[in-house]
Amino acid sequence: MLFQEIDAKQLADWLAGENPPYLIDVRTPEEMAQASIDGAVAIPLAALPLRLNEVPRDREVVFYCRSGARSGQACMTVRQSGHKKLYNLRGGIIAWGQAGLPVAPMVAQAS
């Protein structure tokens, strides 16, 4: 298996724990400005191949997008570079919001 799937509730519990995963939002900046998961790092899918060095190899990494499709692609891209501990948020931020979990606009980050 190239990566594992995680649902919104599992991710929320994991983020609240002692060893939270590294969370990467692969959506466009416009999408991120509408709603994001607190603590996520912005690496749009199109930029990911050029920014693989920013994906930690020493901890679990969870990718998310709007519905889970682009973040699945992100997992496959990163897996091809040798990363192992990869997770895709099943249903993306849509599932996160439907589960009643908090979202907030992502503050612009320097790249």
N, C-alpha and C. Protein backbone atom coordinates (compact mmCIF):
# COMPACT_ATOMS: atom_id res chain seq x y z
N MET A 1 0.84 -1.19 0.00
CA MET A 1 0.00 0.00 0.00
C MET A 1 0.88 1.25 0.00
N LEU A 2 0.56 2.19 -0.88
CA LEU A 2 1.36 3.39 -1.01
C LEU A 2 1.11 4.39 0.12
N PHE A 3 -0.12 4.42 0.62
CA PHE A 3 -0.47 5.32 1.71
C PHE A 3 -1.74 4.80 2.37
N GLN A 4 -2.04 5.36 3.54
CA GLN A 4 -3.24 4.95 4.26
C GLN A 4 -4.27 6.08 4.23
N GLU A 5 -5.53 5.71 4.42
CA GLU A 5 -6.60 6.69 4.51
C GLU A 5 -6.94 6.89 5.99
N ILE A 6 -7.34 8.10 6.32
CA ILE A 6 -7.74 8.43 7.68
C ILE A 6 -9.02 9.25 7.58
N ASP A 7 -9.95 9.05 8.50
CA ASP A 7 -11.17 9.86 8.43
C ASP A 7 -11.04 11.09 9.33
N ALA A 8 -12.01 11.99 9.21
CA ALA A 8 -11.94 13.27 9.91
C ALA A 8 -11.84 13.11 11.42
N LYS A 9 -12.64 12.22 11.99
CA LYS A 9 -12.62 12.02 13.45
C LYS A 9 -11.26 11.48 13.90
N GLN A 10 -10.72 10.51 13.15
CA GLN A 10 -9.40 9.98 13.50
C GLN A 10 -8.34 11.07 13.46
N LEU A 11 -8.41 11.91 12.42
CA LEU A 11 -7.43 12.99 12.30
C LEU A 11 -7.57 13.99 13.44
N ALA A 12 -8.80 14.36 13.77
CA ALA A 12 -9.01 15.31 14.87
C ALA A 12 -8.44 14.78 16.17
N ASP A 13 -8.67 13.50 16.45
CA ASP A 13 -8.12 12.89 17.66
C ASP A 13 -6.60 12.89 17.63
N TRP A 14 -6.04 12.56 16.47
CA TRP A 14 -4.59 12.49 16.32
C TRP A 14 -3.95 13.87 16.49
N LEU A 15 -4.58 14.90 15.91
CA LEU A 15 -4.05 16.26 16.03
C LEU A 15 -4.09 16.75 17.47
N ALA A 16 -5.03 16.25 18.25
CA ALA A 16 -5.16 16.67 19.65
C ALA A 16 -4.23 15.89 20.57
N GLY A 17 -3.57 14.87 20.06
CA GLY A 17 -2.71 14.02 20.87
C GLY A 17 -1.31 14.57 21.06
N GLU A 18 -0.48 13.73 21.67
CA GLU A 18 0.89 14.14 22.00
C GLU A 18 1.82 14.16 20.81
N ASN A 19 1.58 13.32 19.81
CA ASN A 19 2.44 13.27 18.63
C ASN A 19 1.62 13.50 17.36
N PRO A 20 1.17 14.75 17.17
CA PRO A 20 0.33 15.02 16.01
C PRO A 20 1.11 14.86 14.70
N PRO A 21 0.41 14.52 13.63
CA PRO A 21 1.07 14.41 12.34
C PRO A 21 1.36 15.79 11.75
N TYR A 22 2.21 15.81 10.76
CA TYR A 22 2.46 17.01 9.97
C TYR A 22 1.33 17.09 8.96
N LEU A 23 0.62 18.19 8.92
CA LEU A 23 -0.59 18.33 8.12
C LEU A 23 -0.32 19.26 6.94
N ILE A 24 -0.57 18.77 5.72
CA ILE A 24 -0.32 19.55 4.51
C ILE A 24 -1.60 19.70 3.70
N ASP A 25 -1.94 20.95 3.40
CA ASP A 25 -3.10 21.30 2.57
C ASP A 25 -2.59 21.48 1.14
N VAL A 26 -3.09 20.68 0.20
CA VAL A 26 -2.60 20.74 -1.18
C VAL A 26 -3.55 21.49 -2.12
N ARG A 27 -4.51 22.22 -1.56
CA ARG A 27 -5.45 22.97 -2.39
C ARG A 27 -4.82 24.28 -2.88
N THR A 28 -5.56 24.99 -3.71
CA THR A 28 -5.09 26.28 -4.22
C THR A 28 -5.14 27.32 -3.10
N PRO A 29 -4.36 28.39 -3.22
CA PRO A 29 -4.42 29.45 -2.20
C PRO A 29 -5.83 30.02 -2.03
N GLU A 30 -6.59 30.11 -3.12
CA GLU A 30 -7.95 30.63 -3.04
C GLU A 30 -8.83 29.72 -2.18
N GLU A 31 -8.69 28.42 -2.37
CA GLU A 31 -9.46 27.47 -1.57
C GLU A 31 -9.05 27.53 -0.10
N MET A 32 -7.74 27.64 0.13
CA MET A 32 -7.24 27.69 1.50
C MET A 32 -7.75 28.92 2.24
N ALA A 33 -7.91 30.03 1.52
CA ALA A 33 -8.38 31.26 2.15
C ALA A 33 -9.83 31.14 2.62
N GLN A 34 -10.60 30.23 2.02
CA GLN A 34 -11.99 30.05 2.41
C GLN A 34 -12.11 29.28 3.72
N ALA A 35 -11.37 28.18 3.83
CA ALA A 35 -11.44 27.36 5.04
C ALA A 35 -10.29 26.37 5.04
N SER A 36 -9.62 26.24 6.17
CA SER A 36 -8.52 25.31 6.32
C SER A 36 -8.56 24.70 7.71
N ILE A 37 -7.78 23.67 7.89
CA ILE A 37 -7.65 23.04 9.20
C ILE A 37 -6.49 23.71 9.91
N ASP A 38 -6.73 24.14 11.14
CA ASP A 38 -5.71 24.85 11.91
C ASP A 38 -4.43 24.03 12.00
N GLY A 39 -3.31 24.67 11.77
CA GLY A 39 -2.01 24.03 11.90
C GLY A 39 -1.48 23.44 10.60
N ALA A 40 -2.28 23.50 9.54
CA ALA A 40 -1.85 22.93 8.26
C ALA A 40 -0.81 23.82 7.59
N VAL A 41 0.07 23.18 6.85
CA VAL A 41 1.06 23.87 6.03
C VAL A 41 0.55 23.86 4.59
N ALA A 42 0.68 24.98 3.91
CA ALA A 42 0.19 25.10 2.54
C ALA A 42 1.26 24.71 1.53
N ILE A 43 1.01 23.64 0.80
CA ILE A 43 1.85 23.26 -0.34
C ILE A 43 0.89 22.82 -1.44
N PRO A 44 0.48 23.75 -2.33
CA PRO A 44 -0.44 23.38 -3.39
C PRO A 44 0.09 22.20 -4.21
N LEU A 45 -0.82 21.35 -4.66
CA LEU A 45 -0.44 20.14 -5.39
C LEU A 45 0.51 20.44 -6.55
N ALA A 46 0.24 21.50 -7.29
CA ALA A 46 1.08 21.84 -8.44
C ALA A 46 2.52 22.16 -8.04
N ALA A 47 2.72 22.66 -6.82
CA ALA A 47 4.05 23.02 -6.34
C ALA A 47 4.75 21.87 -5.61
N LEU A 48 4.01 20.84 -5.29
CA LEU A 48 4.56 19.75 -4.46
C LEU A 48 5.83 19.12 -5.03
N PRO A 49 5.91 18.79 -6.32
CA PRO A 49 7.14 18.17 -6.82
C PRO A 49 8.38 19.03 -6.61
N LEU A 50 8.20 20.34 -6.58
CA LEU A 50 9.33 21.24 -6.37
C LEU A 50 9.63 21.50 -4.90
N ARG A 51 8.73 21.06 -4.03
CA ARG A 51 8.86 21.34 -2.60
C ARG A 51 8.92 20.06 -1.76
N LEU A 52 9.31 18.95 -2.38
CA LEU A 52 9.37 17.67 -1.66
C LEU A 52 10.27 17.73 -0.43
N ASN A 53 11.29 18.58 -0.48
CA ASN A 53 12.21 18.71 0.65
C ASN A 53 11.52 19.27 1.90
N GLU A 54 10.34 19.85 1.74
CA GLU A 54 9.59 20.39 2.87
C GLU A 54 8.72 19.35 3.57
N VAL A 55 8.61 18.17 2.98
CA VAL A 55 7.79 17.10 3.56
C VAL A 55 8.68 16.28 4.48
N PRO A 56 8.40 16.28 5.78
CA PRO A 56 9.25 15.55 6.72
C PRO A 56 9.27 14.05 6.45
N ARG A 57 10.44 13.45 6.60
CA ARG A 57 10.58 12.00 6.44
C ARG A 57 10.54 11.28 7.79
N ASP A 58 10.69 12.04 8.88
CA ASP A 58 10.84 11.44 10.20
C ASP A 58 9.56 11.43 11.03
N ARG A 59 8.42 11.76 10.41
CA ARG A 59 7.15 11.72 11.14
C ARG A 59 6.01 11.47 10.16
N GLU A 60 4.85 11.15 10.71
CA GLU A 60 3.67 10.90 9.89
C GLU A 60 3.21 12.21 9.25
N VAL A 61 2.77 12.08 8.00
CA VAL A 61 2.30 13.24 7.24
C VAL A 61 0.90 12.95 6.72
N VAL A 62 -0.01 13.89 6.96
CA VAL A 62 -1.38 13.78 6.46
C VAL A 62 -1.59 14.89 5.43
N PHE A 63 -2.07 14.48 4.25
CA PHE A 63 -2.42 15.43 3.19
C PHE A 63 -3.93 15.56 3.13
N TYR A 64 -4.40 16.78 2.81
CA TYR A 64 -5.83 16.93 2.56
C TYR A 64 -6.06 17.96 1.47
N CYS A 65 -7.23 17.84 0.86
CA CYS A 65 -7.68 18.78 -0.17
C CYS A 65 -9.17 19.00 0.06
N ARG A 66 -9.91 19.29 -1.00
CA ARG A 66 -11.34 19.52 -0.86
C ARG A 66 -12.09 18.22 -0.61
N SER A 67 -11.80 17.19 -1.43
CA SER A 67 -12.58 15.95 -1.36
C SER A 67 -11.75 14.69 -1.11
N GLY A 68 -10.45 14.80 -1.18
CA GLY A 68 -9.59 13.63 -0.98
C GLY A 68 -8.90 13.14 -2.24
N ALA A 69 -9.30 13.65 -3.41
CA ALA A 69 -8.71 13.18 -4.67
C ALA A 69 -7.30 13.75 -4.88
N ARG A 70 -7.16 15.06 -4.79
CA ARG A 70 -5.83 15.67 -4.99
C ARG A 70 -4.85 15.27 -3.90
N SER A 71 -5.35 15.12 -2.68
CA SER A 71 -4.44 14.72 -1.60
C SER A 71 -4.00 13.27 -1.79
N GLY A 72 -4.83 12.45 -2.41
CA GLY A 72 -4.41 11.09 -2.77
C GLY A 72 -3.28 11.13 -3.79
N GLN A 73 -3.40 12.04 -4.77
CA GLN A 73 -2.33 12.22 -5.76
C GLN A 73 -1.06 12.69 -5.06
N ALA A 74 -1.22 13.59 -4.10
CA ALA A 74 -0.06 14.09 -3.35
C ALA A 74 0.64 12.94 -2.63
N CYS A 75 -0.14 12.07 -2.00
CA CYS A 75 0.45 10.91 -1.31
C CYS A 75 1.26 10.07 -2.28
N MET A 76 0.73 9.83 -3.46
CA MET A 76 1.45 9.00 -4.44
C MET A 76 2.73 9.69 -4.90
N THR A 77 2.66 10.99 -5.14
CA THR A 77 3.84 11.75 -5.56
C THR A 77 4.94 11.68 -4.50
N VAL A 78 4.56 11.91 -3.26
CA VAL A 78 5.54 11.92 -2.17
C VAL A 78 6.06 10.52 -1.90
N ARG A 79 5.20 9.52 -2.02
CA ARG A 79 5.62 8.12 -1.82
C ARG A 79 6.70 7.73 -2.82
N GLN A 80 6.59 8.21 -4.06
CA GLN A 80 7.59 7.90 -5.09
C GLN A 80 8.96 8.47 -4.75
N SER A 81 9.00 9.46 -3.89
CA SER A 81 10.29 10.03 -3.49
C SER A 81 10.87 9.33 -2.26
N GLY A 82 10.20 8.27 -1.80
CA GLY A 82 10.75 7.47 -0.71
C GLY A 82 10.12 7.69 0.65
N HIS A 83 9.21 8.60 0.77
CA HIS A 83 8.54 8.81 2.06
C HIS A 83 7.63 7.62 2.35
N LYS A 84 7.48 7.29 3.62
CA LYS A 84 6.74 6.09 3.99
C LYS A 84 5.48 6.35 4.81
N LYS A 85 5.49 7.27 5.75
CA LYS A 85 4.40 7.44 6.71
C LYS A 85 3.39 8.47 6.20
N LEU A 86 2.62 8.08 5.18
CA LEU A 86 1.73 9.00 4.50
C LEU A 86 0.26 8.63 4.69
N TYR A 87 -0.57 9.65 4.89
CA TYR A 87 -2.00 9.45 5.09
C TYR A 87 -2.77 10.46 4.25
N ASN A 88 -3.92 10.03 3.77
CA ASN A 88 -4.82 10.88 3.01
C ASN A 88 -6.10 11.07 3.82
N LEU A 89 -6.53 12.31 4.00
CA LEU A 89 -7.79 12.57 4.70
C LEU A 89 -8.94 12.21 3.77
N ARG A 90 -9.62 11.11 4.07
CA ARG A 90 -10.73 10.63 3.26
C ARG A 90 -11.86 11.67 3.28
N GLY A 91 -12.27 12.11 2.11
CA GLY A 91 -13.35 13.09 2.01
C GLY A 91 -12.89 14.53 2.14
N GLY A 92 -11.62 14.73 2.41
CA GLY A 92 -11.04 16.06 2.47
C GLY A 92 -11.69 16.98 3.49
N ILE A 93 -11.53 18.28 3.22
CA ILE A 93 -12.07 19.26 4.16
C ILE A 93 -13.60 19.25 4.16
N ILE A 94 -14.20 18.73 3.09
CA ILE A 94 -15.67 18.59 3.09
C ILE A 94 -16.09 17.65 4.22
N ALA A 95 -15.44 16.48 4.31
CA ALA A 95 -15.76 15.53 5.37
C ALA A 95 -15.44 16.10 6.75
N TRP A 96 -14.35 16.86 6.83
CA TRP A 96 -13.95 17.50 8.08
C TRP A 96 -15.07 18.43 8.55
N GLY A 97 -15.56 19.28 7.66
CA GLY A 97 -16.64 20.20 8.01
C GLY A 97 -17.94 19.49 8.32
N GLN A 98 -18.25 18.43 7.56
CA GLN A 98 -19.48 17.67 7.81
C GLN A 98 -19.44 16.98 9.16
N ALA A 99 -18.24 16.69 9.65
CA ALA A 99 -18.11 16.07 10.97
C ALA A 99 -18.23 17.10 12.09
N GLY A 100 -18.42 18.37 11.71
CA GLY A 100 -18.58 19.42 12.72
C GLY A 100 -17.28 19.91 13.31
N LEU A 101 -16.19 19.62 12.62
CA LEU A 101 -14.87 20.02 13.13
C LEU A 101 -14.54 21.43 12.66
N PRO A 102 -13.72 22.16 13.43
CA PRO A 102 -13.50 23.57 13.14
C PRO A 102 -12.64 23.83 11.90
N VAL A 103 -13.05 24.85 11.16
CA VAL A 103 -12.27 25.34 10.02
C VAL A 103 -12.06 26.83 10.20
N ALA A 104 -10.99 27.33 9.60
CA ALA A 104 -10.69 28.76 9.64
C ALA A 104 -9.93 29.11 8.38
N PRO A 105 -10.05 30.35 7.92
CA PRO A 105 -9.25 30.75 6.75
C PRO A 105 -7.76 30.62 7.07
N MET A 106 -7.00 30.14 6.10
CA MET A 106 -5.57 30.01 6.29
C MET A 106 -4.92 31.37 6.10
N VAL A 107 -4.08 31.74 7.04
CA VAL A 107 -3.35 32.99 6.93
C VAL A 107 -2.24 32.78 5.90
N ALA A 108 -2.02 33.76 5.05
CA ALA A 108 -0.99 33.65 4.01
C ALA A 108 0.36 33.37 4.65
N GLN A 109 1.09 32.44 4.05
CA GLN A 109 2.40 32.06 4.56
C GLN A 109 3.46 32.46 3.53
N ALA A 110 4.61 32.85 4.02
CA ALA A 110 5.73 33.14 3.12
C ALA A 110 6.21 31.83 2.52
N SER A 111 6.53 31.82 1.26
CA SER A 111 6.98 30.58 0.64
C SER A 111 8.43 30.65 0.25
